[in-house]
């Protein structure tokens, strides 16, 4: 596989790419079934800014497609 450019995606972008809601996203993260976000802000705050590495999200999408395709064989 070719090297993917790493870009940080914010939550709205991730939700649009994977087609799920915020609650489902965080449920999958808690279950270890979705890539964890990285902290973007240097400050310790109640709700720090977070983002996801685009290549990790694309890998997750590719894995879902692969699972679907192997189940249909």
N, C-alpha and C. Protein backbone atom coordinates (compact mmCIF):
# COMPACT_ATOMS: atom_id res chain seq x y z
N UNK A 1 0.85 -1.18 0.00
CA UNK A 1 0.00 0.00 0.00
C UNK A 1 0.89 1.24 0.00
N UNK A 2 0.50 2.23 -0.75
CA UNK A 2 1.26 3.47 -0.83
C UNK A 2 1.15 4.23 0.49
N UNK A 3 2.16 5.00 0.79
CA UNK A 3 2.17 5.81 2.01
C UNK A 3 1.04 6.84 1.94
N UNK A 4 0.22 6.87 2.98
CA UNK A 4 -0.89 7.82 3.05
C UNK A 4 -0.43 9.09 3.75
N UNK A 5 -0.88 10.23 3.22
CA UNK A 5 -0.58 11.50 3.87
C UNK A 5 -1.38 11.57 5.16
N UNK A 6 -0.74 11.98 6.23
CA UNK A 6 -1.41 12.08 7.52
C UNK A 6 -1.96 13.49 7.71
N UNK A 7 -3.26 13.55 7.86
CA UNK A 7 -3.97 14.80 8.08
C UNK A 7 -4.83 14.60 9.32
N UNK A 8 -4.98 15.63 10.10
CA UNK A 8 -5.83 15.56 11.29
C UNK A 8 -7.24 15.97 10.91
N UNK A 9 -8.20 15.10 11.25
CA UNK A 9 -9.61 15.37 10.99
C UNK A 9 -10.30 15.71 12.30
N UNK A 10 -11.18 16.67 12.25
CA UNK A 10 -11.98 17.01 13.42
C UNK A 10 -13.22 16.11 13.45
N UNK A 11 -13.92 16.11 14.57
CA UNK A 11 -15.03 15.18 14.78
C UNK A 11 -16.08 15.26 13.68
N UNK A 12 -16.49 16.44 13.29
CA UNK A 12 -17.53 16.57 12.25
C UNK A 12 -17.09 15.91 10.94
N UNK A 13 -15.80 16.05 10.61
CA UNK A 13 -15.29 15.42 9.39
C UNK A 13 -15.31 13.90 9.51
N UNK A 14 -14.92 13.38 10.68
CA UNK A 14 -14.91 11.93 10.90
C UNK A 14 -16.34 11.39 10.81
N UNK A 15 -17.28 12.05 11.46
CA UNK A 15 -18.67 11.61 11.43
C UNK A 15 -19.21 11.59 10.01
N UNK A 16 -18.87 12.59 9.22
CA UNK A 16 -19.32 12.64 7.83
C UNK A 16 -18.70 11.51 7.00
N UNK A 17 -17.45 11.18 7.26
CA UNK A 17 -16.78 10.12 6.51
C UNK A 17 -17.34 8.74 6.83
N UNK A 18 -17.63 8.48 8.09
CA UNK A 18 -18.04 7.14 8.49
C UNK A 18 -19.55 6.98 8.57
N UNK A 19 -20.30 8.06 8.51
CA UNK A 19 -21.75 7.98 8.46
C UNK A 19 -22.40 7.48 9.74
N UNK A 20 -21.91 7.92 10.87
CA UNK A 20 -22.52 7.53 12.14
C UNK A 20 -22.65 8.76 13.02
N UNK A 21 -23.38 8.60 14.10
CA UNK A 21 -23.57 9.69 15.05
C UNK A 21 -22.48 9.73 16.11
N UNK A 22 -22.47 10.82 16.84
CA UNK A 22 -21.46 11.05 17.87
C UNK A 22 -21.49 9.97 18.96
N UNK A 23 -22.67 9.58 19.40
CA UNK A 23 -22.77 8.57 20.46
C UNK A 23 -22.19 7.24 20.01
N UNK A 24 -22.50 6.83 18.79
CA UNK A 24 -21.97 5.57 18.26
C UNK A 24 -20.45 5.65 18.12
N UNK A 25 -19.94 6.78 17.67
CA UNK A 25 -18.50 6.97 17.53
C UNK A 25 -17.81 6.74 18.87
N UNK A 26 -18.27 7.41 19.91
CA UNK A 26 -17.62 7.29 21.21
C UNK A 26 -17.84 5.92 21.84
N UNK A 27 -18.94 5.26 21.52
CA UNK A 27 -19.17 3.90 21.99
C UNK A 27 -18.16 2.94 21.37
N UNK A 28 -17.93 3.07 20.06
CA UNK A 28 -16.94 2.23 19.38
C UNK A 28 -15.53 2.50 19.91
N UNK A 29 -15.22 3.75 20.20
CA UNK A 29 -13.90 4.07 20.77
C UNK A 29 -13.76 3.41 22.13
N UNK A 30 -14.78 3.50 22.97
CA UNK A 30 -14.74 2.91 24.31
C UNK A 30 -14.57 1.39 24.25
N UNK A 31 -15.14 0.78 23.21
CA UNK A 31 -15.04 -0.67 23.03
C UNK A 31 -13.76 -1.10 22.33
N UNK A 32 -12.92 -0.13 21.96
CA UNK A 32 -11.67 -0.44 21.26
C UNK A 32 -11.87 -0.83 19.82
N UNK A 33 -12.99 -0.45 19.22
CA UNK A 33 -13.32 -0.83 17.85
C UNK A 33 -13.16 0.32 16.86
N UNK A 34 -12.67 1.45 17.32
CA UNK A 34 -12.49 2.61 16.45
C UNK A 34 -11.24 3.34 16.93
N UNK A 35 -10.49 3.94 16.00
CA UNK A 35 -9.27 4.66 16.41
C UNK A 35 -9.55 5.74 17.46
N UNK A 36 -8.65 5.83 18.42
CA UNK A 36 -8.76 6.85 19.46
C UNK A 36 -8.31 8.21 18.91
N UNK A 37 -8.93 9.27 19.39
CA UNK A 37 -8.50 10.61 18.95
C UNK A 37 -7.19 11.00 19.62
N UNK A 38 -6.56 12.00 19.04
CA UNK A 38 -5.36 12.59 19.65
C UNK A 38 -5.74 13.98 20.16
N UNK A 39 -5.09 14.40 21.22
CA UNK A 39 -5.34 15.73 21.77
C UNK A 39 -4.58 16.76 20.95
N UNK A 40 -5.28 17.81 20.54
CA UNK A 40 -4.67 18.86 19.72
C UNK A 40 -4.24 20.07 20.53
N UNK A 41 -4.96 20.33 21.61
CA UNK A 41 -4.65 21.52 22.39
C UNK A 41 -3.59 21.17 23.43
N UNK A 42 -2.70 22.10 23.67
CA UNK A 42 -1.64 21.89 24.63
C UNK A 42 -2.09 22.14 26.06
N UNK A 43 -3.21 22.78 26.20
CA UNK A 43 -3.67 23.12 27.55
C UNK A 43 -4.53 22.00 28.12
N UNK A 44 -4.52 21.93 29.40
CA UNK A 44 -5.37 20.96 30.09
C UNK A 44 -6.69 21.65 30.37
N UNK A 45 -7.70 21.25 29.65
CA UNK A 45 -9.01 21.87 29.84
C UNK A 45 -10.06 20.79 30.01
N UNK A 46 -11.24 21.22 30.34
CA UNK A 46 -12.33 20.28 30.56
C UNK A 46 -12.64 19.49 29.30
N UNK A 47 -12.63 20.15 28.17
CA UNK A 47 -12.88 19.50 26.88
C UNK A 47 -11.83 19.95 25.89
N UNK A 48 -10.68 19.29 25.89
CA UNK A 48 -9.62 19.71 24.97
C UNK A 48 -10.00 19.42 23.52
N UNK A 49 -9.43 20.17 22.62
CA UNK A 49 -9.65 19.93 21.19
C UNK A 49 -8.99 18.61 20.82
N UNK A 50 -9.74 17.79 20.08
CA UNK A 50 -9.21 16.50 19.64
C UNK A 50 -9.40 16.34 18.14
N UNK A 51 -8.66 15.41 17.59
CA UNK A 51 -8.78 15.10 16.17
C UNK A 51 -8.34 13.66 15.94
N UNK A 52 -8.59 13.18 14.75
CA UNK A 52 -8.23 11.81 14.38
C UNK A 52 -7.28 11.85 13.20
N UNK A 53 -6.37 10.90 13.15
CA UNK A 53 -5.41 10.79 12.05
C UNK A 53 -6.17 10.22 10.85
N UNK A 54 -6.15 10.93 9.74
CA UNK A 54 -6.94 10.54 8.57
C UNK A 54 -6.60 9.14 8.07
N UNK A 55 -5.33 8.76 8.11
CA UNK A 55 -4.95 7.43 7.62
C UNK A 55 -5.53 6.32 8.50
N UNK A 56 -5.66 6.58 9.80
CA UNK A 56 -6.25 5.59 10.69
C UNK A 56 -7.74 5.43 10.41
N UNK A 57 -8.41 6.53 10.10
CA UNK A 57 -9.84 6.47 9.77
C UNK A 57 -10.02 5.74 8.45
N UNK A 58 -9.17 6.03 7.47
CA UNK A 58 -9.27 5.34 6.18
C UNK A 58 -8.99 3.85 6.34
N UNK A 59 -8.03 3.50 7.18
CA UNK A 59 -7.75 2.08 7.44
C UNK A 59 -8.97 1.39 8.06
N UNK A 60 -9.66 2.07 8.97
CA UNK A 60 -10.86 1.52 9.60
C UNK A 60 -11.95 1.30 8.55
N UNK A 61 -12.14 2.28 7.67
CA UNK A 61 -13.13 2.15 6.60
C UNK A 61 -12.76 0.98 5.68
N UNK A 62 -11.48 0.90 5.30
CA UNK A 62 -11.02 -0.19 4.43
C UNK A 62 -11.24 -1.55 5.07
N UNK A 63 -11.02 -1.65 6.37
CA UNK A 63 -11.25 -2.91 7.09
C UNK A 63 -12.72 -3.30 7.06
N UNK A 64 -13.59 -2.35 7.24
CA UNK A 64 -15.03 -2.62 7.18
C UNK A 64 -15.42 -3.12 5.79
N UNK A 65 -14.87 -2.52 4.76
CA UNK A 65 -15.16 -2.96 3.39
C UNK A 65 -14.64 -4.38 3.17
N UNK A 66 -13.43 -4.64 3.66
CA UNK A 66 -12.85 -5.97 3.52
C UNK A 66 -13.69 -7.03 4.23
N UNK A 67 -14.15 -6.72 5.42
CA UNK A 67 -15.02 -7.67 6.16
C UNK A 67 -16.28 -7.96 5.37
N UNK A 68 -16.89 -6.93 4.83
CA UNK A 68 -18.11 -7.10 4.04
C UNK A 68 -17.84 -7.99 2.85
N UNK A 69 -16.74 -7.73 2.15
CA UNK A 69 -16.44 -8.48 0.93
C UNK A 69 -16.12 -9.94 1.21
N UNK A 70 -15.44 -10.23 2.32
CA UNK A 70 -15.11 -11.61 2.62
C UNK A 70 -16.32 -12.37 3.14
N UNK A 71 -17.29 -11.69 3.73
CA UNK A 71 -18.50 -12.36 4.19
C UNK A 71 -19.42 -12.73 3.03
N UNK A 72 -19.29 -12.03 1.90
CA UNK A 72 -20.15 -12.29 0.74
C UNK A 72 -19.61 -13.36 -0.18
N UNK A 73 -18.45 -13.92 0.15
CA UNK A 73 -17.85 -14.94 -0.72
C UNK A 73 -18.54 -16.27 -0.50
